[in-house]
mmCIF file of all heavy atoms, coordinates in Angstrom:
data_MODEL
# 
_entry.id   MODEL 
# 
loop_
_atom_site.group_PDB 
_atom_site.id 
_atom_site.type_symbol 
_atom_site.label_atom_id 
_atom_site.label_alt_id 
_atom_site.label_comp_id 
_atom_site.label_asym_id 
_atom_site.label_entity_id 
_atom_site.label_seq_id 
_atom_site.pdbx_PDB_ins_code 
_atom_site.Cartn_x 
_atom_site.Cartn_y 
_atom_site.Cartn_z 
_atom_site.occupancy 
_atom_site.B_iso_or_equiv 
_atom_site.pdbx_formal_charge 
_atom_site.auth_seq_id 
_atom_site.auth_comp_id 
_atom_site.auth_asym_id 
_atom_site.auth_atom_id 
_atom_site.pdbx_PDB_model_num 
ATOM 1   N N   . HIS A 1 1  ? -23.072 10.384  3.666  1.00 0.00 ? 1  HIS A N   1 
ATOM 2   C CA  . HIS A 1 1  ? -22.442 9.311   2.837  1.00 0.00 ? 1  HIS A CA  1 
ATOM 3   C C   . HIS A 1 1  ? -22.682 9.651   1.428  1.00 0.00 ? 1  HIS A C   1 
ATOM 4   O O   . HIS A 1 1  ? -23.781 9.949   0.954  1.00 0.00 ? 1  HIS A O   1 
ATOM 5   C CB  . HIS A 1 1  ? -23.048 8.004   3.212  1.00 0.00 ? 1  HIS A CB  1 
ATOM 6   C CG  . HIS A 1 1  ? -22.267 6.798   2.822  1.00 0.00 ? 1  HIS A CG  1 
ATOM 7   N ND1 . HIS A 1 1  ? -22.050 6.436   1.454  1.00 0.00 ? 1  HIS A ND1 1 
ATOM 8   C CD2 . HIS A 1 1  ? -21.621 5.860   3.565  1.00 0.00 ? 1  HIS A CD2 1 
ATOM 9   C CE1 . HIS A 1 1  ? -21.270 5.329   1.453  1.00 0.00 ? 1  HIS A CE1 1 
ATOM 10  N NE2 . HIS A 1 1  ? -20.994 4.987   2.692  1.00 0.00 ? 1  HIS A NE2 1 
ATOM 11  N N   . ALA A 1 2  ? -21.686 9.526   0.577  1.00 0.00 ? 2  ALA A N   1 
ATOM 12  C CA  . ALA A 1 2  ? -21.787 9.825   -0.880 1.00 0.00 ? 2  ALA A CA  1 
ATOM 13  C C   . ALA A 1 2  ? -22.370 8.726   -1.655 1.00 0.00 ? 2  ALA A C   1 
ATOM 14  O O   . ALA A 1 2  ? -22.759 8.941   -2.863 1.00 0.00 ? 2  ALA A O   1 
ATOM 15  C CB  . ALA A 1 2  ? -20.416 10.295  -1.428 1.00 0.00 ? 2  ALA A CB  1 
ATOM 16  N N   . ASP A 1 3  ? -22.409 7.508   -1.155 1.00 0.00 ? 3  ASP A N   1 
ATOM 17  C CA  . ASP A 1 3  ? -22.834 6.415   -1.971 1.00 0.00 ? 3  ASP A CA  1 
ATOM 18  C C   . ASP A 1 3  ? -23.528 5.367   -1.087 1.00 0.00 ? 3  ASP A C   1 
ATOM 19  O O   . ASP A 1 3  ? -23.149 4.178   -1.032 1.00 0.00 ? 3  ASP A O   1 
ATOM 20  C CB  . ASP A 1 3  ? -21.604 5.726   -2.676 1.00 0.00 ? 3  ASP A CB  1 
ATOM 21  C CG  . ASP A 1 3  ? -22.045 4.723   -3.719 1.00 0.00 ? 3  ASP A CG  1 
ATOM 22  O OD1 . ASP A 1 3  ? -23.147 4.828   -4.263 1.00 0.00 ? 3  ASP A OD1 1 
ATOM 23  O OD2 . ASP A 1 3  ? -21.242 3.824   -4.048 1.00 0.00 ? 3  ASP A OD2 1 
ATOM 24  N N   . LEU A 1 4  ? -24.560 5.857   -0.371 1.00 0.00 ? 4  LEU A N   1 
ATOM 25  C CA  . LEU A 1 4  ? -25.174 4.996   0.583  1.00 0.00 ? 4  LEU A CA  1 
ATOM 26  C C   . LEU A 1 4  ? -26.257 4.075   -0.065 1.00 0.00 ? 4  LEU A C   1 
ATOM 27  O O   . LEU A 1 4  ? -27.191 4.581   -0.639 1.00 0.00 ? 4  LEU A O   1 
ATOM 28  C CB  . LEU A 1 4  ? -25.924 5.833   1.688  1.00 0.00 ? 4  LEU A CB  1 
ATOM 29  C CG  . LEU A 1 4  ? -26.469 5.062   2.885  1.00 0.00 ? 4  LEU A CG  1 
ATOM 30  C CD1 . LEU A 1 4  ? -25.420 4.326   3.597  1.00 0.00 ? 4  LEU A CD1 1 
ATOM 31  C CD2 . LEU A 1 4  ? -27.150 6.070   3.813  1.00 0.00 ? 4  LEU A CD2 1 
ATOM 32  N N   . HIS A 1 5  ? -26.028 2.807   -0.045 1.00 0.00 ? 5  HIS A N   1 
ATOM 33  C CA  . HIS A 1 5  ? -26.959 1.771   -0.603 1.00 0.00 ? 5  HIS A CA  1 
ATOM 34  C C   . HIS A 1 5  ? -26.733 0.492   0.125  1.00 0.00 ? 5  HIS A C   1 
ATOM 35  O O   . HIS A 1 5  ? -25.833 0.357   0.949  1.00 0.00 ? 5  HIS A O   1 
ATOM 36  C CB  . HIS A 1 5  ? -26.719 1.641   -2.150 1.00 0.00 ? 5  HIS A CB  1 
ATOM 37  C CG  . HIS A 1 5  ? -25.345 1.299   -2.494 1.00 0.00 ? 5  HIS A CG  1 
ATOM 38  N ND1 . HIS A 1 5  ? -24.811 0.001   -2.445 1.00 0.00 ? 5  HIS A ND1 1 
ATOM 39  C CD2 . HIS A 1 5  ? -24.319 2.052   -3.048 1.00 0.00 ? 5  HIS A CD2 1 
ATOM 40  C CE1 . HIS A 1 5  ? -23.579 -0.011  -2.850 1.00 0.00 ? 5  HIS A CE1 1 
ATOM 41  N NE2 . HIS A 1 5  ? -23.253 1.246   -3.188 1.00 0.00 ? 5  HIS A NE2 1 
ATOM 42  N N   . ALA A 1 6  ? -27.558 -0.495  -0.203 1.00 0.00 ? 6  ALA A N   1 
ATOM 43  C CA  . ALA A 1 6  ? -27.501 -1.827  0.515  1.00 0.00 ? 6  ALA A CA  1 
ATOM 44  C C   . ALA A 1 6  ? -26.189 -2.532  0.329  1.00 0.00 ? 6  ALA A C   1 
ATOM 45  O O   . ALA A 1 6  ? -25.770 -3.263  1.270  1.00 0.00 ? 6  ALA A O   1 
ATOM 46  C CB  . ALA A 1 6  ? -28.640 -2.694  0.084  1.00 0.00 ? 6  ALA A CB  1 
ATOM 47  N N   . GLY A 1 7  ? -25.519 -2.241  -0.702 1.00 0.00 ? 7  GLY A N   1 
ATOM 48  C CA  . GLY A 1 7  ? -24.185 -2.927  -0.911 1.00 0.00 ? 7  GLY A CA  1 
ATOM 49  C C   . GLY A 1 7  ? -23.111 -2.368  -0.012 1.00 0.00 ? 7  GLY A C   1 
ATOM 50  O O   . GLY A 1 7  ? -22.078 -3.010  0.165  1.00 0.00 ? 7  GLY A O   1 
ATOM 51  N N   . ASN A 1 8  ? -23.291 -1.223  0.540  1.00 0.00 ? 8  ASN A N   1 
ATOM 52  C CA  . ASN A 1 8  ? -22.379 -0.617  1.514  1.00 0.00 ? 8  ASN A CA  1 
ATOM 53  C C   . ASN A 1 8  ? -22.871 -0.707  2.972  1.00 0.00 ? 8  ASN A C   1 
ATOM 54  O O   . ASN A 1 8  ? -22.342 -0.018  3.844  1.00 0.00 ? 8  ASN A O   1 
ATOM 55  C CB  . ASN A 1 8  ? -22.109 0.869   1.110  1.00 0.00 ? 8  ASN A CB  1 
ATOM 56  C CG  . ASN A 1 8  ? -21.062 0.963   0.034  1.00 0.00 ? 8  ASN A CG  1 
ATOM 57  O OD1 . ASN A 1 8  ? -20.215 0.140   -0.132 1.00 0.00 ? 8  ASN A OD1 1 
ATOM 58  N ND2 . ASN A 1 8  ? -21.210 2.102   -0.748 1.00 0.00 ? 8  ASN A ND2 1 
ATOM 59  N N   . LEU A 1 9  ? -23.806 -1.624  3.215  1.00 0.00 ? 9  LEU A N   1 
ATOM 60  C CA  . LEU A 1 9  ? -24.294 -1.900  4.561  1.00 0.00 ? 9  LEU A CA  1 
ATOM 61  C C   . LEU A 1 9  ? -24.002 -3.366  4.778  1.00 0.00 ? 9  LEU A C   1 
ATOM 62  O O   . LEU A 1 9  ? -24.527 -4.274  4.186  1.00 0.00 ? 9  LEU A O   1 
ATOM 63  C CB  . LEU A 1 9  ? -25.772 -1.635  4.734  1.00 0.00 ? 9  LEU A CB  1 
ATOM 64  C CG  . LEU A 1 9  ? -26.142 -0.149  4.529  1.00 0.00 ? 9  LEU A CG  1 
ATOM 65  C CD1 . LEU A 1 9  ? -27.679 -0.041  4.608  1.00 0.00 ? 9  LEU A CD1 1 
ATOM 66  C CD2 . LEU A 1 9  ? -25.521 0.697   5.570  1.00 0.00 ? 9  LEU A CD2 1 
ATOM 67  N N   . LEU A 1 10 ? -23.053 -3.593  5.692  1.00 0.00 ? 10 LEU A N   1 
ATOM 68  C CA  . LEU A 1 10 ? -22.594 -5.066  5.986  1.00 0.00 ? 10 LEU A CA  1 
ATOM 69  C C   . LEU A 1 10 ? -23.361 -5.552  7.180  1.00 0.00 ? 10 LEU A C   1 
ATOM 70  O O   . LEU A 1 10 ? -23.367 -4.981  8.258  1.00 0.00 ? 10 LEU A O   1 
ATOM 71  C CB  . LEU A 1 10 ? -21.082 -5.013  6.277  1.00 0.00 ? 10 LEU A CB  1 
ATOM 72  C CG  . LEU A 1 10 ? -20.487 -6.384  6.577  1.00 0.00 ? 10 LEU A CG  1 
ATOM 73  C CD1 . LEU A 1 10 ? -20.337 -7.207  5.233  1.00 0.00 ? 10 LEU A CD1 1 
ATOM 74  C CD2 . LEU A 1 10 ? -19.153 -6.201  7.247  1.00 0.00 ? 10 LEU A CD2 1 
ATOM 75  N N   . TRP A 1 11 ? -23.976 -6.705  6.920  1.00 0.00 ? 11 TRP A N   1 
ATOM 76  C CA  . TRP A 1 11 ? -24.597 -7.466  8.078  1.00 0.00 ? 11 TRP A CA  1 
ATOM 77  C C   . TRP A 1 11 ? -23.478 -8.265  8.696  1.00 0.00 ? 11 TRP A C   1 
ATOM 78  O O   . TRP A 1 11 ? -22.984 -9.290  8.226  1.00 0.00 ? 11 TRP A O   1 
ATOM 79  C CB  . TRP A 1 11 ? -25.698 -8.341  7.618  1.00 0.00 ? 11 TRP A CB  1 
ATOM 80  C CG  . TRP A 1 11 ? -26.399 -9.095  8.737  1.00 0.00 ? 11 TRP A CG  1 
ATOM 81  C CD1 . TRP A 1 11 ? -26.187 -10.372 9.109  1.00 0.00 ? 11 TRP A CD1 1 
ATOM 82  C CD2 . TRP A 1 11 ? -27.388 -8.528  9.620  1.00 0.00 ? 11 TRP A CD2 1 
ATOM 83  N NE1 . TRP A 1 11 ? -26.947 -10.685 10.120 1.00 0.00 ? 11 TRP A NE1 1 
ATOM 84  C CE2 . TRP A 1 11 ? -27.702 -9.626  10.507 1.00 0.00 ? 11 TRP A CE2 1 
ATOM 85  C CE3 . TRP A 1 11 ? -27.956 -7.346  9.797  1.00 0.00 ? 11 TRP A CE3 1 
ATOM 86  C CZ2 . TRP A 1 11 ? -28.627 -9.441  11.511 1.00 0.00 ? 11 TRP A CZ2 1 
ATOM 87  C CZ3 . TRP A 1 11 ? -28.930 -7.138  10.753 1.00 0.00 ? 11 TRP A CZ3 1 
ATOM 88  C CH2 . TRP A 1 11 ? -29.238 -8.208  11.606 1.00 0.00 ? 11 TRP A CH2 1 
ATOM 89  N N   . SER A 1 12 ? -23.012 -7.772  9.887  1.00 0.00 ? 12 SER A N   1 
ATOM 90  C CA  . SER A 1 12 ? -21.850 -8.418  10.551 1.00 0.00 ? 12 SER A CA  1 
ATOM 91  C C   . SER A 1 12 ? -22.290 -9.502  11.443 1.00 0.00 ? 12 SER A C   1 
ATOM 92  O O   . SER A 1 12 ? -23.298 -9.501  12.148 1.00 0.00 ? 12 SER A O   1 
ATOM 93  C CB  . SER A 1 12 ? -21.097 -7.357  11.336 1.00 0.00 ? 12 SER A CB  1 
ATOM 94  O OG  . SER A 1 12 ? -20.009 -7.883  12.075 1.00 0.00 ? 12 SER A OG  1 
ATOM 95  N N   . VAL A 1 13 ? -21.491 -10.585 11.451 1.00 0.00 ? 13 VAL A N   1 
ATOM 96  C CA  . VAL A 1 13 ? -21.807 -11.754 12.304 1.00 0.00 ? 13 VAL A CA  1 
ATOM 97  C C   . VAL A 1 13 ? -21.592 -11.359 13.706 1.00 0.00 ? 13 VAL A C   1 
ATOM 98  O O   . VAL A 1 13 ? -22.327 -11.808 14.629 1.00 0.00 ? 13 VAL A O   1 
ATOM 99  C CB  . VAL A 1 13 ? -20.869 -12.899 11.903 1.00 0.00 ? 13 VAL A CB  1 
ATOM 100 C CG1 . VAL A 1 13 ? -20.998 -14.065 12.868 1.00 0.00 ? 13 VAL A CG1 1 
ATOM 101 C CG2 . VAL A 1 13 ? -21.210 -13.411 10.498 1.00 0.00 ? 13 VAL A CG2 1 
ATOM 102 N N   . GLY A 1 14 ? -20.592 -10.588 14.065 1.00 0.00 ? 14 GLY A N   1 
ATOM 103 C CA  . GLY A 1 14 ? -20.369 -10.111 15.388 1.00 0.00 ? 14 GLY A CA  1 
ATOM 104 C C   . GLY A 1 14 ? -21.162 -8.888  15.744 1.00 0.00 ? 14 GLY A C   1 
ATOM 105 O O   . GLY A 1 14 ? -21.626 -8.194  14.789 1.00 0.00 ? 14 GLY A O   1 
ATOM 106 N N   . GLU A 1 15 ? -21.271 -8.562  16.957 1.00 0.00 ? 15 GLU A N   1 
ATOM 107 C CA  . GLU A 1 15 ? -22.051 -7.359  17.342 1.00 0.00 ? 15 GLU A CA  1 
ATOM 108 C C   . GLU A 1 15 ? -21.138 -6.103  17.211 1.00 0.00 ? 15 GLU A C   1 
ATOM 109 O O   . GLU A 1 15 ? -20.036 -6.051  17.711 1.00 0.00 ? 15 GLU A O   1 
ATOM 110 C CB  . GLU A 1 15 ? -22.427 -7.441  18.820 1.00 0.00 ? 15 GLU A CB  1 
ATOM 111 C CG  . GLU A 1 15 ? -23.477 -8.569  19.092 1.00 0.00 ? 15 GLU A CG  1 
ATOM 112 C CD  . GLU A 1 15 ? -24.785 -8.293  18.410 1.00 0.00 ? 15 GLU A CD  1 
ATOM 113 O OE1 . GLU A 1 15 ? -25.086 -7.052  18.258 1.00 0.00 ? 15 GLU A OE1 1 
ATOM 114 O OE2 . GLU A 1 15 ? -25.556 -9.211  18.060 1.00 0.00 ? 15 GLU A OE2 1 
ATOM 115 N N   . GLY A 1 16 ? -21.613 -5.125  16.466 1.00 0.00 ? 16 GLY A N   1 
ATOM 116 C CA  . GLY A 1 16 ? -20.978 -3.891  16.278 1.00 0.00 ? 16 GLY A CA  1 
ATOM 117 C C   . GLY A 1 16 ? -21.323 -2.894  17.358 1.00 0.00 ? 16 GLY A C   1 
ATOM 118 O O   . GLY A 1 16 ? -22.037 -3.200  18.334 1.00 0.00 ? 16 GLY A O   1 
ATOM 119 N N   . PRO A 1 17 ? -20.752 -1.654  17.318 1.00 0.00 ? 17 PRO A N   1 
ATOM 120 C CA  . PRO A 1 17 ? -21.026 -0.720  18.393 1.00 0.00 ? 17 PRO A CA  1 
ATOM 121 C C   . PRO A 1 17 ? -22.450 -0.281  18.462 1.00 0.00 ? 17 PRO A C   1 
ATOM 122 O O   . PRO A 1 17 ? -22.897 0.165   19.547 1.00 0.00 ? 17 PRO A O   1 
ATOM 123 C CB  . PRO A 1 17 ? -20.094 0.501   17.944 1.00 0.00 ? 17 PRO A CB  1 
ATOM 124 C CG  . PRO A 1 17 ? -19.880 0.306   16.526 1.00 0.00 ? 17 PRO A CG  1 
ATOM 125 C CD  . PRO A 1 17 ? -19.872 -1.163  16.253 1.00 0.00 ? 17 PRO A CD  1 
ATOM 126 N N   . SER A 1 18 ? -23.199 -0.372  17.382 1.00 0.00 ? 18 SER A N   1 
ATOM 127 C CA  . SER A 1 18 ? -24.624 0.068   17.452 1.00 0.00 ? 18 SER A CA  1 
ATOM 128 C C   . SER A 1 18 ? -25.518 -0.988  16.775 1.00 0.00 ? 18 SER A C   1 
ATOM 129 O O   . SER A 1 18 ? -26.512 -0.619  16.148 1.00 0.00 ? 18 SER A O   1 
ATOM 130 C CB  . SER A 1 18 ? -24.779 1.424   16.739 1.00 0.00 ? 18 SER A CB  1 
ATOM 131 O OG  . SER A 1 18 ? -23.989 2.398   17.292 1.00 0.00 ? 18 SER A OG  1 
ATOM 132 N N   . GLY A 1 19 ? -25.201 -2.239  16.898 1.00 0.00 ? 19 GLY A N   1 
ATOM 133 C CA  . GLY A 1 19 ? -26.004 -3.259  16.273 1.00 0.00 ? 19 GLY A CA  1 
ATOM 134 C C   . GLY A 1 19 ? -25.197 -4.131  15.372 1.00 0.00 ? 19 GLY A C   1 
ATOM 135 O O   . GLY A 1 19 ? -23.973 -4.188  15.486 1.00 0.00 ? 19 GLY A O   1 
ATOM 136 N N   . ARG A 1 20 ? -25.835 -4.719  14.394 1.00 0.00 ? 20 ARG A N   1 
ATOM 137 C CA  . ARG A 1 20 ? -25.164 -5.685  13.531 1.00 0.00 ? 20 ARG A CA  1 
ATOM 138 C C   . ARG A 1 20 ? -24.957 -5.217  12.102 1.00 0.00 ? 20 ARG A C   1 
ATOM 139 O O   . ARG A 1 20 ? -24.526 -5.946  11.276 1.00 0.00 ? 20 ARG A O   1 
ATOM 140 C CB  . ARG A 1 20 ? -25.997 -6.995  13.584 1.00 0.00 ? 20 ARG A CB  1 
ATOM 141 C CG  . ARG A 1 20 ? -26.063 -7.597  14.880 1.00 0.00 ? 20 ARG A CG  1 
ATOM 142 C CD  . ARG A 1 20 ? -26.724 -8.958  14.872 1.00 0.00 ? 20 ARG A CD  1 
ATOM 143 N NE  . ARG A 1 20 ? -25.938 -9.959  14.183 1.00 0.00 ? 20 ARG A NE  1 
ATOM 144 C CZ  . ARG A 1 20 ? -26.330 -11.187 13.898 1.00 0.00 ? 20 ARG A CZ  1 
ATOM 145 N NH1 . ARG A 1 20 ? -27.564 -11.567 14.260 1.00 0.00 ? 20 ARG A NH1 1 
ATOM 146 N NH2 . ARG A 1 20 ? -25.542 -12.038 13.346 1.00 0.00 ? 20 ARG A NH2 1 
ATOM 147 N N   . VAL A 1 21 ? -25.269 -3.956  11.900 1.00 0.00 ? 21 VAL A N   1 
ATOM 148 C CA  . VAL A 1 21 ? -24.979 -3.363  10.507 1.00 0.00 ? 21 VAL A CA  1 
ATOM 149 C C   . VAL A 1 21 ? -23.809 -2.459  10.603 1.00 0.00 ? 21 VAL A C   1 
ATOM 150 O O   . VAL A 1 21 ? -23.813 -1.528  11.502 1.00 0.00 ? 21 VAL A O   1 
ATOM 151 C CB  . VAL A 1 21 ? -26.249 -2.695  9.982  1.00 0.00 ? 21 VAL A CB  1 
ATOM 152 C CG1 . VAL A 1 21 ? -25.899 -1.824  8.771  1.00 0.00 ? 21 VAL A CG1 1 
ATOM 153 C CG2 . VAL A 1 21 ? -27.304 -3.673  9.597  1.00 0.00 ? 21 VAL A CG2 1 
ATOM 154 N N   . LEU A 1 22 ? -22.867 -2.593  9.680  1.00 0.00 ? 22 LEU A N   1 
ATOM 155 C CA  . LEU A 1 22 ? -21.704 -1.739  9.636  1.00 0.00 ? 22 LEU A CA  1 
ATOM 156 C C   . LEU A 1 22 ? -21.720 -0.968  8.339  1.00 0.00 ? 22 LEU A C   1 
ATOM 157 O O   . LEU A 1 22 ? -21.857 -1.623  7.267  1.00 0.00 ? 22 LEU A O   1 
ATOM 158 C CB  . LEU A 1 22 ? -20.412 -2.611  9.745  1.00 0.00 ? 22 LEU A CB  1 
ATOM 159 C CG  . LEU A 1 22 ? -19.060 -1.920  9.888  1.00 0.00 ? 22 LEU A CG  1 
ATOM 160 C CD1 . LEU A 1 22 ? -18.993 -1.169  11.234 1.00 0.00 ? 22 LEU A CD1 1 
ATOM 161 C CD2 . LEU A 1 22 ? -17.931 -2.918  9.823  1.00 0.00 ? 22 LEU A CD2 1 
ATOM 162 N N   . VAL A 1 23 ? -21.550 0.305   8.362  1.00 0.00 ? 23 VAL A N   1 
ATOM 163 C CA  . VAL A 1 23 ? -21.547 1.104   7.176  1.00 0.00 ? 23 VAL A CA  1 
ATOM 164 C C   . VAL A 1 23 ? -20.130 1.140   6.544  1.00 0.00 ? 23 VAL A C   1 
ATOM 165 O O   . VAL A 1 23 ? -19.134 1.436   7.295  1.00 0.00 ? 23 VAL A O   1 
ATOM 166 C CB  . VAL A 1 23 ? -21.959 2.590   7.498  1.00 0.00 ? 23 VAL A CB  1 
ATOM 167 C CG1 . VAL A 1 23 ? -21.978 3.442   6.234  1.00 0.00 ? 23 VAL A CG1 1 
ATOM 168 C CG2 . VAL A 1 23 ? -23.280 2.616   8.138  1.00 0.00 ? 23 VAL A CG2 1 
ATOM 169 N N   . LEU A 1 24 ? -20.050 0.845   5.278  1.00 0.00 ? 24 LEU A N   1 
ATOM 170 C CA  . LEU A 1 24 ? -18.802 0.717   4.545  1.00 0.00 ? 24 LEU A CA  1 
ATOM 171 C C   . LEU A 1 24 ? -18.578 1.856   3.572  1.00 0.00 ? 24 LEU A C   1 
ATOM 172 O O   . LEU A 1 24 ? -19.480 2.547   3.277  1.00 0.00 ? 24 LEU A O   1 
ATOM 173 C CB  . LEU A 1 24 ? -18.702 -0.546  3.758  1.00 0.00 ? 24 LEU A CB  1 
ATOM 174 C CG  . LEU A 1 24 ? -18.993 -1.894  4.521  1.00 0.00 ? 24 LEU A CG  1 
ATOM 175 C CD1 . LEU A 1 24 ? -18.889 -3.041  3.533  1.00 0.00 ? 24 LEU A CD1 1 
ATOM 176 C CD2 . LEU A 1 24 ? -18.032 -2.095  5.670  1.00 0.00 ? 24 LEU A CD2 1 
ATOM 177 N N   . ASP A 1 25 ? -17.276 2.096   3.261  1.00 0.00 ? 25 ASP A N   1 
ATOM 178 C CA  . ASP A 1 25 ? -16.925 2.965   2.143  1.00 0.00 ? 25 ASP A CA  1 
ATOM 179 C C   . ASP A 1 25 ? -17.390 4.398   2.290  1.00 0.00 ? 25 ASP A C   1 
ATOM 180 O O   . ASP A 1 25 ? -18.338 4.848   1.718  1.00 0.00 ? 25 ASP A O   1 
ATOM 181 C CB  . ASP A 1 25 ? -17.476 2.409   0.773  1.00 0.00 ? 25 ASP A CB  1 
ATOM 182 C CG  . ASP A 1 25 ? -16.859 3.071   -0.437 1.00 0.00 ? 25 ASP A CG  1 
ATOM 183 O OD1 . ASP A 1 25 ? -15.952 3.953   -0.205 1.00 0.00 ? 25 ASP A OD1 1 
ATOM 184 O OD2 . ASP A 1 25 ? -17.260 2.758   -1.544 1.00 0.00 ? 25 ASP A OD2 1 
ATOM 185 N N   . LEU A 1 26 ? -16.603 5.197   3.071  1.00 0.00 ? 26 LEU A N   1 
ATOM 186 C CA  . LEU A 1 26 ? -16.908 6.564   3.267  1.00 0.00 ? 26 LEU A CA  1 
ATOM 187 C C   . LEU A 1 26 ? -16.108 7.458   2.263  1.00 0.00 ? 26 LEU A C   1 
ATOM 188 O O   . LEU A 1 26 ? -15.948 8.637   2.530  1.00 0.00 ? 26 LEU A O   1 
ATOM 189 C CB  . LEU A 1 26 ? -16.525 7.013   4.712  1.00 0.00 ? 26 LEU A CB  1 
ATOM 190 C CG  . LEU A 1 26 ? -17.430 6.412   5.789  1.00 0.00 ? 26 LEU A CG  1 
ATOM 191 C CD1 . LEU A 1 26 ? -17.052 7.054   7.144  1.00 0.00 ? 26 LEU A CD1 1 
ATOM 192 C CD2 . LEU A 1 26 ? -18.913 6.622   5.497  1.00 0.00 ? 26 LEU A CD2 1 
ATOM 193 N N   . ASP A 1 27 ? -15.691 6.892   1.142  1.00 0.00 ? 27 ASP A N   1 
ATOM 194 C CA  . ASP A 1 27 ? -15.082 7.728   0.075  1.00 0.00 ? 27 ASP A CA  1 
ATOM 195 C C   . ASP A 1 27 ? -15.978 8.827   -0.311 1.00 0.00 ? 27 ASP A C   1 
ATOM 196 O O   . ASP A 1 27 ? -17.176 8.577   -0.671 1.00 0.00 ? 27 ASP A O   1 
ATOM 197 C CB  . ASP A 1 27 ? -14.728 6.783   -1.108 1.00 0.00 ? 27 ASP A CB  1 
ATOM 198 C CG  . ASP A 1 27 ? -14.030 7.523   -2.193 1.00 0.00 ? 27 ASP A CG  1 
ATOM 199 O OD1 . ASP A 1 27 ? -13.380 8.580   -1.951 1.00 0.00 ? 27 ASP A OD1 1 
ATOM 200 O OD2 . ASP A 1 27 ? -14.113 7.099   -3.342 1.00 0.00 ? 27 ASP A OD2 1 
ATOM 201 N N   . ARG A 1 28 ? -15.450 10.031  -0.303 1.00 0.00 ? 28 ARG A N   1 
ATOM 202 C CA  . ARG A 1 28 ? -16.258 11.287  -0.661 1.00 0.00 ? 28 ARG A CA  1 
ATOM 203 C C   . ARG A 1 28 ? -17.365 11.607  0.286  1.00 0.00 ? 28 ARG A C   1 
ATOM 204 O O   . ARG A 1 28 ? -18.218 12.493  0.030  1.00 0.00 ? 28 ARG A O   1 
ATOM 205 C CB  . ARG A 1 28 ? -16.793 11.137  -2.122 1.00 0.00 ? 28 ARG A CB  1 
ATOM 206 C CG  . ARG A 1 28 ? -15.747 11.135  -3.222 1.00 0.00 ? 28 ARG A CG  1 
ATOM 207 C CD  . ARG A 1 28 ? -16.464 11.160  -4.593 1.00 0.00 ? 28 ARG A CD  1 
ATOM 208 N NE  . ARG A 1 28 ? -15.416 11.169  -5.693 1.00 0.00 ? 28 ARG A NE  1 
ATOM 209 C CZ  . ARG A 1 28 ? -14.825 12.243  -6.114 1.00 0.00 ? 28 ARG A CZ  1 
ATOM 210 N NH1 . ARG A 1 28 ? -15.026 13.431  -5.592 1.00 0.00 ? 28 ARG A NH1 1 
ATOM 211 N NH2 . ARG A 1 28 ? -13.992 12.153  -7.112 1.00 0.00 ? 28 ARG A NH2 1 
ATOM 212 N N   . ALA A 1 29 ? -17.440 10.909  1.416  1.00 0.00 ? 29 ALA A N   1 
ATOM 213 C CA  . ALA A 1 29 ? -18.398 11.323  2.454  1.00 0.00 ? 29 ALA A CA  1 
ATOM 214 C C   . ALA A 1 29 ? -18.059 12.725  2.956  1.00 0.00 ? 29 ALA A C   1 
ATOM 215 O O   . ALA A 1 29 ? -16.903 13.149  2.953  1.00 0.00 ? 29 ALA A O   1 
ATOM 216 C CB  . ALA A 1 29 ? -18.394 10.351  3.595  1.00 0.00 ? 29 ALA A CB  1 
# 
């Protein structure tokens, strides 16, 4: 990930595929 920080980690209300945190914004990943 080119810009991995807490602002690009979403605490999702619903259950995701690997828990409740969803990684956002893969621009330039």
